[in-house]
N, C-alpha and C. Protein backbone atom coordinates (compact mmCIF):
# COMPACT_ATOMS: atom_id res chain seq x y z
N MET A 1 78.13 98.59 39.90
CA MET A 1 77.03 99.24 39.77
C MET A 1 77.02 100.58 39.88
N THR A 2 76.73 101.13 38.82
CA THR A 2 76.37 102.82 38.95
C THR A 2 75.40 103.21 39.60
N ASP A 3 74.88 104.33 40.10
CA ASP A 3 74.09 104.84 40.84
C ASP A 3 72.94 104.78 40.22
N ASP A 4 73.17 105.09 38.92
CA ASP A 4 71.63 105.38 37.86
C ASP A 4 71.41 103.93 37.71
N GLU A 5 72.36 103.00 37.49
CA GLU A 5 71.73 101.42 37.21
C GLU A 5 71.07 101.02 38.44
N LEU A 6 71.74 101.12 39.78
CA LEU A 6 71.05 100.83 40.83
C LEU A 6 69.37 101.67 41.19
N GLU A 7 69.50 102.56 40.74
CA GLU A 7 68.17 103.43 40.75
C GLU A 7 67.21 102.68 39.95
N VAL A 8 67.50 102.45 38.77
CA VAL A 8 66.69 101.99 37.72
C VAL A 8 66.24 100.38 38.10
N ARG A 9 67.28 99.86 38.62
CA ARG A 9 66.76 98.62 39.26
C ARG A 9 65.81 98.52 40.67
N VAL A 10 65.78 99.31 41.68
CA VAL A 10 65.31 99.75 42.56
C VAL A 10 63.68 100.21 42.28
N ILE A 11 63.72 101.06 41.25
CA ILE A 11 62.58 101.99 40.58
C ILE A 11 61.57 100.26 39.97
N GLY A 12 62.38 99.67 39.16
CA GLY A 12 61.86 98.61 38.45
C GLY A 12 61.13 97.35 39.73
N LEU A 13 62.00 97.17 40.56
CA LEU A 13 61.46 96.18 41.68
C LEU A 13 60.44 96.88 42.57
N ILE A 14 60.47 98.14 42.73
CA ILE A 14 59.23 98.87 43.53
C ILE A 14 57.85 98.67 42.58
N GLY A 15 58.13 99.02 41.17
CA GLY A 15 57.00 98.53 40.39
C GLY A 15 56.67 97.44 40.18
N ARG A 16 57.40 96.32 39.83
CA ARG A 16 57.05 94.87 39.82
C ARG A 16 56.44 94.69 41.27
N GLU A 17 56.81 94.96 42.28
CA GLU A 17 56.03 94.28 43.72
C GLU A 17 55.06 94.88 44.11
N LEU A 18 54.65 96.30 43.61
CA LEU A 18 53.44 97.22 43.62
C LEU A 18 52.50 96.76 42.61
N GLY A 19 52.80 96.72 41.77
CA GLY A 19 52.07 96.03 40.44
C GLY A 19 51.66 97.32 39.90
N VAL A 20 52.13 98.45 39.66
CA VAL A 20 51.89 99.29 39.22
C VAL A 20 52.28 99.62 37.57
N PRO A 21 51.76 100.41 36.91
CA PRO A 21 52.24 100.60 35.56
C PRO A 21 53.43 101.30 35.60
N ASP A 22 54.27 100.85 34.20
CA ASP A 22 55.57 101.60 34.18
C ASP A 22 55.32 102.98 34.21
N GLY A 23 56.45 103.80 34.57
CA GLY A 23 56.36 105.27 34.68
C GLY A 23 55.81 105.50 36.26
N SER A 24 55.04 104.87 36.87
CA SER A 24 54.48 105.05 38.21
C SER A 24 55.41 105.79 39.17
N VAL A 25 56.40 104.73 38.96
CA VAL A 25 57.69 105.07 40.06
C VAL A 25 58.90 105.86 39.27
N THR A 26 59.10 106.95 39.91
CA THR A 26 60.48 107.62 39.45
C THR A 26 61.28 108.04 40.42
N PRO A 27 62.37 108.71 40.27
CA PRO A 27 63.60 108.69 41.60
C PRO A 27 63.02 109.33 42.52
N ALA A 28 62.02 110.28 42.73
CA ALA A 28 61.45 111.20 43.66
C ALA A 28 59.89 110.59 44.13
N THR A 29 59.99 109.34 43.69
CA THR A 29 58.82 108.57 44.60
C THR A 29 58.94 108.29 46.12
N VAL A 30 57.86 108.99 46.72
CA VAL A 30 57.85 108.43 48.03
C VAL A 30 56.62 107.39 48.70
N SER A 31 56.32 106.81 49.23
CA SER A 31 55.72 105.85 49.38
C SER A 31 54.29 106.48 50.02
N GLY A 32 53.93 107.75 50.00
CA GLY A 32 52.62 108.45 50.20
C GLY A 32 52.11 108.55 48.75
N ASP A 33 53.06 108.44 47.73
CA ASP A 33 52.35 108.93 46.13
C ASP A 33 51.76 107.83 45.83
N LEU A 34 51.87 106.38 46.02
CA LEU A 34 51.21 105.30 45.58
C LEU A 34 50.26 104.54 46.67
N GLU A 35 49.00 104.65 46.01
CA GLU A 35 48.32 103.90 47.03
C GLU A 35 48.77 102.51 47.33
N ARG A 36 49.30 101.83 46.58
CA ARG A 36 49.65 100.31 46.91
C ARG A 36 50.78 100.19 47.63
N TRP A 37 51.40 101.40 47.94
CA TRP A 37 52.60 101.43 48.78
C TRP A 37 52.09 101.47 50.14
N ASP A 38 51.30 100.48 50.65
CA ASP A 38 50.71 100.50 52.18
C ASP A 38 51.77 99.72 52.91
N SER A 39 51.07 99.36 53.95
CA SER A 39 52.19 98.16 54.76
C SER A 39 52.29 97.07 54.36
N LEU A 40 51.40 96.58 53.65
CA LEU A 40 51.74 95.13 52.87
C LEU A 40 52.57 95.35 51.88
N GLY A 41 52.38 96.34 51.05
CA GLY A 41 53.37 96.61 49.92
C GLY A 41 54.87 96.95 50.41
N HIS A 42 54.78 97.51 51.66
CA HIS A 42 56.20 97.92 51.92
C HIS A 42 56.61 96.63 52.55
N LEU A 43 56.07 95.86 52.92
CA LEU A 43 56.81 94.29 53.49
C LEU A 43 56.93 93.63 51.83
N GLN A 44 56.22 93.74 50.84
CA GLN A 44 56.77 93.05 49.90
C GLN A 44 57.91 93.83 49.07
N ILE A 45 58.07 94.85 49.25
CA ILE A 45 59.25 95.81 48.57
C ILE A 45 60.67 95.31 49.65
N CYS A 46 60.19 95.31 50.80
CA CYS A 46 61.57 94.92 51.61
C CYS A 46 61.80 93.43 51.49
N MET A 47 61.13 92.57 51.23
CA MET A 47 61.20 91.26 50.83
C MET A 47 61.98 90.88 49.62
N ALA A 48 61.94 91.65 48.39
CA ALA A 48 62.31 91.60 47.35
C ALA A 48 63.68 92.24 47.47
N LEU A 49 63.90 93.21 48.15
CA LEU A 49 65.06 93.80 48.34
C LEU A 49 66.03 92.59 48.73
N GLU A 50 65.60 91.82 49.64
CA GLU A 50 66.65 90.51 50.49
C GLU A 50 66.72 89.81 49.12
N ALA A 51 65.53 89.42 48.43
CA ALA A 51 65.70 88.57 47.26
C ALA A 51 66.93 88.93 46.19
N GLU A 52 66.65 90.40 45.94
CA GLU A 52 67.08 90.82 44.72
C GLU A 52 69.13 91.60 45.02
N PHE A 53 69.02 91.74 46.05
CA PHE A 53 70.30 92.55 46.47
C PHE A 53 70.94 91.54 47.72
N GLY A 54 70.30 90.99 48.51
CA GLY A 54 71.03 89.98 48.98
C GLY A 54 71.31 90.98 50.93
N ILE A 55 70.35 91.67 50.90
CA ILE A 55 69.98 92.33 51.92
C ILE A 55 69.12 92.57 53.03
N SER A 56 69.07 92.67 53.99
CA SER A 56 67.90 92.34 55.09
C SER A 56 67.99 93.50 55.98
N PRO A 57 67.01 94.70 55.50
CA PRO A 57 66.94 95.46 56.89
C PRO A 57 66.63 95.04 58.10
N GLU A 58 67.01 96.09 59.30
CA GLU A 58 66.58 95.75 60.42
C GLU A 58 65.12 96.05 60.74
N LEU A 59 64.55 95.76 61.61
CA LEU A 59 63.39 96.13 61.82
C LEU A 59 63.20 97.67 61.98
N GLU A 60 64.05 98.31 62.78
CA GLU A 60 63.88 99.48 62.99
C GLU A 60 64.26 100.36 61.87
N GLU A 61 65.06 99.47 60.76
CA GLU A 61 65.48 100.50 59.60
C GLU A 61 63.90 100.26 58.26
N LEU A 62 63.38 99.57 58.64
CA LEU A 62 62.31 99.66 57.51
C LEU A 62 61.47 100.55 57.49
N GLU A 63 61.27 101.41 58.61
CA GLU A 63 60.14 102.69 58.40
C GLU A 63 61.11 103.48 57.76
N GLU A 64 62.44 103.48 57.86
CA GLU A 64 63.01 104.71 56.92
C GLU A 64 63.06 104.40 55.49
N LEU A 65 62.87 103.26 54.97
CA LEU A 65 62.83 102.77 53.50
C LEU A 65 61.72 103.03 53.01
N ASP A 66 61.39 104.65 52.97
CA ASP A 66 59.87 105.31 52.73
C ASP A 66 59.91 105.96 51.24
N SER A 67 60.87 105.82 50.48
CA SER A 67 61.10 106.32 48.99
C SER A 67 62.12 105.65 48.42
N VAL A 68 62.07 106.06 47.16
CA VAL A 68 63.32 105.55 46.08
C VAL A 68 64.55 105.91 46.58
N ALA A 69 64.56 107.09 46.95
CA ALA A 69 65.84 107.85 47.06
C ALA A 69 66.28 107.00 48.58
N ALA A 70 65.67 106.70 49.68
CA ALA A 70 65.98 106.18 50.64
C ALA A 70 66.48 104.93 50.23
N ILE A 71 65.75 104.03 49.75
CA ILE A 71 66.06 102.65 49.47
C ILE A 71 67.51 102.21 48.34
N VAL A 72 67.33 103.40 47.67
CA VAL A 72 68.79 103.64 46.82
C VAL A 72 69.91 103.62 47.59
N ALA A 73 70.04 104.82 48.71
CA ALA A 73 70.99 104.85 49.53
C ALA A 73 71.08 103.71 50.53
N TYR A 74 70.05 103.24 51.04
CA TYR A 74 70.21 102.01 51.86
C TYR A 74 71.11 100.68 50.94
N VAL A 75 70.76 100.55 50.07
CA VAL A 75 71.23 99.29 49.09
C VAL A 75 72.62 99.48 48.75
N ARG A 76 72.85 101.05 48.46
CA ARG A 76 74.37 101.51 48.26
C ARG A 76 75.20 101.21 49.62
N GLU A 77 74.51 101.55 50.48
CA GLU A 77 75.43 101.67 51.93
C GLU A 77 75.82 99.93 52.22
N ASP A 78 74.81 99.02 52.03
CA ASP A 78 74.92 97.59 52.16
C ASP A 78 75.10 96.61 51.44
N ALA A 79 75.38 96.88 50.05
CA ALA A 79 75.62 96.15 48.93
C ALA A 79 77.04 95.96 48.87
């Protein structure tokens, strides 16, 4: 999978989990940009990452996954 394909999948996953309109999540999106990316939304995103990519971030890593770029980098490393 190319980096662009991975980015598109992560953006789609975040949008679906947070229930935001298409286009609300971009490669530059950080958690503070979206009201729904609160602690519960963050947990939903992390559980969806496990389901979609088969990865399970450690507790101390969860806090670092606060942007599209950080999630893409993490998935790329662990996938």
